[in-house]
Each structure stands twice: as C-alpha cells, then as structure tokens.
Amino acid sequence: MGPGKICAPNATMDARVGGAYVFPMQRPDGLITTARGVIKEIVPNRKLRLTWAWDDPDGKTSDVSEVTLEFHPTAAGTRLVLRHAGLTDPKIREQHTRGWNGCTDSLENVSRRQVLPLRVSGGGGLVRDQAPSPPRDP
C-alpha cells in the first residue's frame, strides 16, 4: 500500500526486533525506488519503530532516519500516529510528507477512516495523526 498508484508487491519484512525490511516501490511508469531499514522496537498492537533509508540510483543507501507508528485504541477503532524523525533537509521532509500522506490516504480508502494531514514537529520530523471517522448512518 503506497501513495497514489504506487505499489510494493515484492516488499519483505522480517517482523522482529533486529529484523530487516525492504520495500521496493513501483510507480505506474515502472520506476522502482526502494526503502529499507531495520526494526528497532515492536510493542504488539501498540508500536512499531524502524530505521528508514532509500537506495540511491548508484546503489548506496541515503541518510538513515527513523519512523515510528503508534496505534491507540479508541471507542470507534484505532488512532494511528506516524512520526518520521531525522529529516533535516526541508525538501526531503516535504517529499516524505507527500509520500506518507499518500500512504495514509490509501489506508483511508481501505479502512474508511478520517485521516488528518501531516504536520512538522520539533526536531525535523513529521507527525500524522489518523483518527477514526464518526460512525456512519446506515
């Protein structure tokens, strides 16, 4: 599930602390960009924290940042808080804002929940809160 029409059908993840993941994301034009990292923390049903880096076209890995997903139960479902820390370049931060907004928009299409936009937090990171939508009338 990627932003817009980007998909990652060959994504892999060793879902344990210290495990690696590789997310090759394919755009509709066929271009593939790959994000990869290591899982730093798992709290079942509550939190996932991992490193994040892009493979550069020359095969090197970009600067490493950190993504944290927190899941908070609510009366209507689950609230998702996404933080992406360590993005010091404003241009890169804006690109990630668009990417994460696109990913959570895709999640919204699947879950039919209200999604709020990303905001910049202190420390050069991004924060996105996803709150459940109010119940729909039948």
Protein backbone atom coordinates (compact mmCIF):
# COMPACT_ATOMS: atom_id res chain seq x y z
CA MET A 1 0.00 0.00 0.00
CA GLY A 2 1.80 3.07 -1.22
CA PRO A 3 0.91 6.63 -2.05
CA GLY A 4 -1.42 7.01 -5.02
CA LYS A 5 -0.87 4.27 -7.58
CA ILE A 6 2.50 3.24 -6.20
CA CYS A 7 2.57 -0.39 -5.09
CA ALA A 8 5.07 -2.63 -3.36
CA PRO A 9 4.16 -6.19 -4.35
CA ASN A 10 7.66 -7.51 -3.58
CA ALA A 11 8.05 -5.96 -0.12
CA THR A 12 9.64 -8.16 2.52
CA MET A 13 9.90 -7.79 6.29
CA ASP A 14 11.48 -9.93 8.98
CA ALA A 15 8.97 -8.81 11.63
CA ARG A 16 11.10 -8.97 14.76
CA VAL A 17 13.39 -6.57 16.58
CA GLY A 18 16.63 -6.50 14.60
CA GLY A 19 14.88 -7.85 11.51
CA ALA A 20 15.30 -6.12 8.17
CA TYR A 21 12.72 -4.94 5.69
CA VAL A 22 12.97 -4.00 2.03
CA PHE A 23 10.14 -2.09 0.31
CA PRO A 24 10.73 -1.81 -3.47
CA MET A 25 8.00 0.64 -4.54
CA GLN A 26 6.93 0.63 -8.16
CA ARG A 27 5.39 3.68 -9.81
CA PRO A 28 2.89 3.35 -12.67
CA ASP A 29 5.66 4.29 -15.13
CA GLY A 30 7.67 1.25 -13.96
CA LEU A 31 10.33 3.15 -11.98
CA ILE A 32 11.20 1.36 -8.74
CA THR A 33 12.56 3.13 -5.66
CA THR A 34 13.49 1.10 -2.60
CA ALA A 35 13.22 1.97 1.07
CA ARG A 36 14.91 -0.30 3.57
CA GLY A 37 15.78 -0.48 7.22
CA VAL A 38 15.82 -2.41 10.46
CA ILE A 39 13.08 -2.86 13.04
CA LYS A 40 14.16 -1.23 16.30
CA GLU A 41 11.11 -1.79 18.51
CA ILE A 42 7.87 -3.74 18.47
CA VAL A 43 5.16 -3.41 21.10
CA PRO A 44 2.37 -5.74 19.90
CA ASN A 45 -0.78 -3.84 18.90
CA ARG A 46 0.78 -0.56 20.12
CA LYS A 47 4.01 0.48 18.42
CA LEU A 48 6.44 -0.20 15.57
CA ARG A 49 9.73 1.74 15.33
CA LEU A 50 12.17 1.26 12.46
CA THR A 51 15.02 2.90 10.62
CA TRP A 52 14.32 4.28 7.13
CA ALA A 53 16.68 4.84 4.20
CA TRP A 54 16.37 5.00 0.42
CA ASP A 55 18.60 3.18 -2.02
CA ASP A 56 20.26 5.78 -4.24
CA PRO A 57 20.46 5.13 -8.00
CA ASP A 58 24.17 4.32 -7.59
CA GLY A 59 23.36 1.53 -5.13
CA LYS A 60 24.30 3.40 -1.96
CA THR A 61 21.89 3.97 0.91
CA SER A 62 20.76 7.51 1.73
CA ASP A 63 20.90 9.06 5.20
CA VAL A 64 19.08 6.96 7.78
CA SER A 65 16.05 8.40 9.56
CA GLU A 66 13.53 6.81 11.93
CA VAL A 67 9.82 6.04 11.56
CA THR A 68 7.52 5.32 14.49
CA LEU A 69 3.97 4.06 14.13
CA GLU A 70 1.83 4.16 17.27
CA PHE A 71 -1.60 2.55 17.47
CA HIS A 72 -4.02 3.90 20.08
CA PRO A 73 -7.37 2.21 20.72
CA THR A 74 -10.41 4.49 20.63
CA ALA A 75 -14.11 3.88 21.06
CA ALA A 76 -14.51 3.90 17.27
CA GLY A 77 -11.43 1.88 16.31
CA THR A 78 -7.73 2.74 16.24
CA ARG A 79 -5.90 6.05 16.05
CA LEU A 80 -2.62 5.91 14.10
CA VAL A 81 0.18 8.33 14.94
CA LEU A 82 3.03 8.31 12.41
CA ARG A 83 6.29 10.09 13.18
CA HIS A 84 9.23 10.33 10.80
CA ALA A 85 12.22 11.84 12.63
CA GLY A 86 15.61 12.91 11.37
CA LEU A 87 14.56 14.56 8.11
CA THR A 88 16.73 17.67 8.31
CA ASP A 89 16.51 18.78 4.66
CA PRO A 90 13.23 20.72 4.10
CA LYS A 91 12.91 19.42 0.52
CA ILE A 92 13.29 15.79 1.65
CA ARG A 93 10.89 16.41 4.53
CA GLU A 94 8.27 17.78 2.09
CA GLN A 95 8.72 14.77 -0.22
CA HIS A 96 8.19 12.43 2.72
CA THR A 97 5.16 14.44 3.85
CA ARG A 98 3.58 13.89 0.43
CA GLY A 99 4.56 10.21 0.46
CA TRP A 100 3.23 9.49 3.94
CA ASN A 101 0.05 11.46 3.25
CA GLY A 102 -0.41 9.33 0.14
CA CYS A 103 0.16 6.12 2.11
CA THR A 104 -2.32 7.07 4.80
CA ASP A 105 -4.78 8.21 2.12
CA SER A 106 -4.51 4.69 0.67
CA LEU A 107 -5.07 3.31 4.15
CA GLU A 108 -8.12 5.55 4.47
CA ASN A 109 -9.53 4.10 1.25
CA VAL A 110 -9.17 0.64 2.76
CA SER A 111 -10.31 1.40 6.30
CA ARG A 112 -12.81 4.21 5.57
CA ARG A 113 -11.45 6.24 8.47
CA GLN A 114 -10.88 10.01 8.63
CA VAL A 115 -7.24 10.91 8.04
CA LEU A 116 -5.67 14.18 9.18
CA PRO A 117 -2.74 15.79 7.31
CA LEU A 118 0.88 15.55 8.37
CA ARG A 119 2.38 18.37 10.38
CA VAL A 120 6.02 19.20 11.03
CA SER A 121 7.11 18.54 14.61
CA GLY A 122 10.12 19.79 16.51
CA GLY A 123 13.39 18.07 15.71
CA GLY A 124 12.95 17.95 11.95
CA GLY A 125 10.32 15.22 11.98
CA LEU A 126 6.83 14.68 10.67
CA VAL A 127 3.75 13.67 12.63
CA ARG A 128 0.48 12.39 11.26
CA ASP A 129 -2.47 11.51 13.43
CA GLN A 130 -5.14 9.31 11.95
CA ALA A 131 -8.33 9.33 13.95
CA PRO A 132 -11.31 7.11 13.28
CA SER A 133 -14.28 8.60 11.49
CA PRO A 134 -17.51 9.02 13.38
CA PRO A 135 -19.96 6.16 12.84
CA ARG A 136 -21.84 6.41 9.58
CA ASP A 137 -25.63 6.38 9.44
CA PRO A 138 -26.98 3.32 7.60
